[in-house]
Amino acid sequence: PDAWGEAYVDATGFQFGPREEVDGELSQVVTFWQPPRSRPSRAPAWFAWWIGLASGEVRREAMVSTRHYMVYGYSDFDAPLAITPPIDASAPAVPPSTPAAPSVATPAASAD
């Protein structure tokens, strides 16, 4: 994980765990930990990554630290992404806030 920059620069204690299938891909569990830091402050943390043997992608991540536990699942790598705004059927339609411009220009009034 050294290519991930500052986040994992001091990671240590790497060990192989079991192999498990995650989302249809055989994955190797790799565990490691990060020692505490004083600047910036960070509690020690222990990690397990499930890394796909065919893809090399991190498929799952688990982390345990002081009063902080998390499990992430990663999927749909390189899948097309579609974001659509939610539709609220109870809200009334909003008319345009700017009135339409006239189709013919109006001449300026003269000051005479």
C-alpha atoms as a PDB file:
ATOM      1  CA  PRO A   1       0.000   0.000   0.000  1.00  0.00           C
ATOM      2  CA  ASP A   2       2.973   2.393  -0.134  1.00  0.00           C
ATOM      3  CA  ALA A   3       1.620   3.724  -3.442  1.00  0.00           C
ATOM      4  CA  TRP A   4      -1.402   5.025  -1.497  1.00  0.00           C
ATOM      5  CA  GLY A   5       0.662   7.832  -0.053  1.00  0.00           C
ATOM      6  CA  GLU A   6       0.589   9.084   3.487  1.00  0.00           C
ATOM      7  CA  ALA A   7      -2.349   6.937   4.639  1.00  0.00           C
ATOM      8  CA  TYR A   8      -0.411   3.647   4.822  1.00  0.00           C
ATOM      9  CA  VAL A   9       3.234   4.806   4.882  1.00  0.00           C
ATOM     10  CA  ASP A  10       3.927   3.221   8.288  1.00  0.00           C
ATOM     11  CA  ALA A  11       1.888   0.025   7.811  1.00  0.00           C
ATOM     12  CA  THR A  12       3.737  -3.025   9.116  1.00  0.00           C
ATOM     13  CA  GLY A  13       3.333  -6.658  10.162  1.00  0.00           C
ATOM     14  CA  PHE A  14       1.939  -7.955   6.865  1.00  0.00           C
ATOM     15  CA  GLN A  15       0.723 -11.564   6.957  1.00  0.00           C
ATOM     16  CA  PHE A  16      -1.262 -13.808   4.638  1.00  0.00           C
ATOM     17  CA  GLY A  17      -4.559 -15.137   5.922  1.00  0.00           C
ATOM     18  CA  PRO A  18      -6.955 -17.603   4.310  1.00  0.00           C
ATOM     19  CA  ARG A  19      -8.260 -17.449   0.758  1.00  0.00           C
ATOM     20  CA  GLU A  20     -11.977 -16.743   0.440  1.00  0.00           C
ATOM     21  CA  GLU A  21     -14.388 -16.038  -2.381  1.00  0.00           C
ATOM     22  CA  VAL A  22     -15.691 -12.452  -2.449  1.00  0.00           C
ATOM     23  CA  ASP A  23     -18.320 -11.561  -5.075  1.00  0.00           C
ATOM     24  CA  GLY A  24     -17.339 -14.557  -7.181  1.00  0.00           C
ATOM     25  CA  GLU A  25     -13.566 -13.917  -7.116  1.00  0.00           C
ATOM     26  CA  LEU A  26     -11.104 -15.973  -5.085  1.00  0.00           C
ATOM     27  CA  SER A  27      -9.370 -13.492  -2.785  1.00  0.00           C
ATOM     28  CA  GLN A  28      -6.321 -13.603  -0.537  1.00  0.00           C
ATOM     29  CA  VAL A  29      -6.742 -12.125   2.937  1.00  0.00           C
ATOM     30  CA  VAL A  30      -3.798  -9.895   3.905  1.00  0.00           C
ATOM     31  CA  THR A  31      -3.555  -8.482   7.431  1.00  0.00           C
ATOM     32  CA  PHE A  32      -1.395  -5.637   8.758  1.00  0.00           C
ATOM     33  CA  TRP A  33      -1.430  -2.912  11.362  1.00  0.00           C
ATOM     34  CA  GLN A  34      -0.516   0.727  11.769  1.00  0.00           C
ATOM     35  CA  PRO A  35       1.197   1.859  14.972  1.00  0.00           C
ATOM     36  CA  PRO A  36      -0.061   4.933  16.834  1.00  0.00           C
ATOM     37  CA  ARG A  37       1.156   8.384  15.788  1.00  0.00           C
ATOM     38  CA  SER A  38       1.426  11.610  17.720  1.00  0.00           C
ATOM     39  CA  ARG A  39       1.475  14.050  14.758  1.00  0.00           C
ATOM     40  CA  PRO A  40      -1.078  13.918  13.348  1.00  0.00           C
ATOM     41  CA  SER A  41      -2.679  12.000  16.186  1.00  0.00           C
ATOM     42  CA  ARG A  42      -3.834   8.484  15.345  1.00  0.00           C
ATOM     43  CA  ALA A  43      -4.671   5.431  17.439  1.00  0.00           C
ATOM     44  CA  PRO A  44      -3.229   2.059  16.408  1.00  0.00           C
ATOM     45  CA  ALA A  45      -5.337   0.246  13.805  1.00  0.00           C
ATOM     46  CA  TRP A  46      -5.468  -3.347  12.557  1.00  0.00           C
ATOM     47  CA  PHE A  47      -6.571  -4.114   8.986  1.00  0.00           C
ATOM     48  CA  ALA A  48      -7.611  -7.079   6.871  1.00  0.00           C
ATOM     49  CA  TRP A  49      -7.861  -6.734   3.096  1.00  0.00           C
ATOM     50  CA  TRP A  50      -9.403  -9.310   0.779  1.00  0.00           C
ATOM     51  CA  ILE A  51      -7.459  -8.906  -2.470  1.00  0.00           C
ATOM     52  CA  GLY A  52      -8.798 -10.532  -5.651  1.00  0.00           C
ATOM     53  CA  LEU A  53      -6.237 -13.006  -6.981  1.00  0.00           C
ATOM     54  CA  ALA A  54      -7.224 -12.454 -10.628  1.00  0.00           C
ATOM     55  CA  SER A  55      -7.941  -8.707 -10.539  1.00  0.00           C
ATOM     56  CA  GLY A  56      -5.559  -7.461  -7.837  1.00  0.00           C
ATOM     57  CA  GLU A  57      -8.395  -5.250  -6.545  1.00  0.00           C
ATOM     58  CA  VAL A  58      -9.151  -4.791  -2.847  1.00  0.00           C
ATOM     59  CA  ARG A  59     -12.574  -6.474  -2.662  1.00  0.00           C
ATOM     60  CA  ARG A  60     -13.241  -6.001   1.063  1.00  0.00           C
ATOM     61  CA  GLU A  61     -11.593  -4.134   3.934  1.00  0.00           C
ATOM     62  CA  ALA A  62     -12.017  -4.531   7.692  1.00  0.00           C
ATOM     63  CA  MET A  63     -10.430  -2.212  10.276  1.00  0.00           C
ATOM     64  CA  VAL A  64     -10.402  -2.289  14.072  1.00  0.00           C
ATOM     65  CA  SER A  65      -9.103   0.590  16.165  1.00  0.00           C
ATOM     66  CA  THR A  66      -9.883   2.262  19.477  1.00  0.00           C
ATOM     67  CA  ARG A  67     -13.691   2.673  19.549  1.00  0.00           C
ATOM     68  CA  HIS A  68     -13.738   2.482  15.749  1.00  0.00           C
ATOM     69  CA  TYR A  69     -14.756  -0.580  13.727  1.00  0.00           C
ATOM     70  CA  MET A  70     -15.570  -0.683  10.029  1.00  0.00           C
ATOM     71  CA  VAL A  71     -16.083  -3.082   7.149  1.00  0.00           C
ATOM     72  CA  TYR A  72     -16.170  -1.864   3.539  1.00  0.00           C
ATOM     73  CA  GLY A  73     -17.128  -3.840   0.457  1.00  0.00           C
ATOM     74  CA  TYR A  74     -15.840  -2.713  -2.932  1.00  0.00           C
ATOM     75  CA  SER A  75     -17.527  -3.801  -6.159  1.00  0.00           C
ATOM     76  CA  ASP A  76     -18.599  -2.747  -9.648  1.00  0.00           C
ATOM     77  CA  PHE A  77     -15.073  -1.730 -10.679  1.00  0.00           C
ATOM     78  CA  ASP A  78     -15.146   0.256 -13.955  1.00  0.00           C
ATOM     79  CA  ALA A  79     -18.934  -0.143 -14.191  1.00  0.00           C
ATOM     80  CA  PRO A  80     -20.830   2.725 -15.815  1.00  0.00           C
ATOM     81  CA  LEU A  81     -22.221   5.143 -13.272  1.00  0.00           C
ATOM     82  CA  ALA A  82     -25.646   6.699 -13.611  1.00  0.00           C
ATOM     83  CA  ILE A  83     -26.783   9.381 -11.188  1.00  0.00           C
ATOM     84  CA  THR A  84     -30.402  10.492 -11.393  1.00  0.00           C
ATOM     85  CA  PRO A  85     -32.050  13.075  -9.171  1.00  0.00           C
ATOM     86  CA  PRO A  86     -34.824  11.831  -6.912  1.00  0.00           C
ATOM     87  CA  ILE A  87     -38.385  12.448  -8.025  1.00  0.00           C
ATOM     88  CA  ASP A  88     -40.780  13.852  -5.453  1.00  0.00           C
ATOM     89  CA  ALA A  89     -44.291  13.313  -6.793  1.00  0.00           C
ATOM     90  CA  SER A  90     -45.811  15.407  -3.984  1.00  0.00           C
ATOM     91  CA  ALA A  91     -43.927  18.583  -4.963  1.00  0.00           C
ATOM     92  CA  PRO A  92     -45.664  20.927  -7.428  1.00  0.00           C
ATOM     93  CA  ALA A  93     -44.019  21.665 -10.747  1.00  0.00           C
ATOM     94  CA  VAL A  94     -41.880  24.804 -10.583  1.00  0.00           C
ATOM     95  CA  PRO A  95     -42.421  27.307 -13.415  1.00  0.00           C
ATOM     96  CA  PRO A  96     -39.363  29.019 -14.895  1.00  0.00           C
ATOM     97  CA  SER A  97     -38.266  31.985 -12.788  1.00  0.00           C
ATOM     98  CA  THR A  98     -37.322  34.180 -15.773  1.00  0.00           C
ATOM     99  CA  PRO A  99     -40.163  35.279 -18.068  1.00  0.00           C
ATOM    100  CA  ALA A 100     -39.696  34.598 -21.753  1.00  0.00           C
ATOM    101  CA  ALA A 101     -38.213  37.506 -23.737  1.00  0.00           C
ATOM    102  CA  PRO A 102     -40.486  39.200 -26.322  1.00  0.00           C
ATOM    103  CA  SER A 103     -39.905  38.061 -29.881  1.00  0.00           C
ATOM    104  CA  VAL A 104     -39.571  41.702 -31.115  1.00  0.00           C
ATOM    105  CA  ALA A 105     -37.185  44.232 -29.642  1.00  0.00           C
ATOM    106  CA  THR A 106     -38.757  47.362 -28.151  1.00  0.00           C
ATOM    107  CA  PRO A 107     -37.117  50.656 -29.220  1.00  0.00           C
ATOM    108  CA  ALA A 108     -35.653  52.792 -26.467  1.00  0.00           C
ATOM    109  CA  ALA A 109     -37.692  55.843 -25.483  1.00  0.00           C
ATOM    110  CA  SER A 110     -36.184  59.173 -26.543  1.00  0.00           C
ATOM    111  CA  ALA A 111     -35.451  61.878 -23.994  1.00  0.00           C
ATOM    112  CA  ASP A 112     -36.702  64.767 -26.251  1.00  0.00           C
END
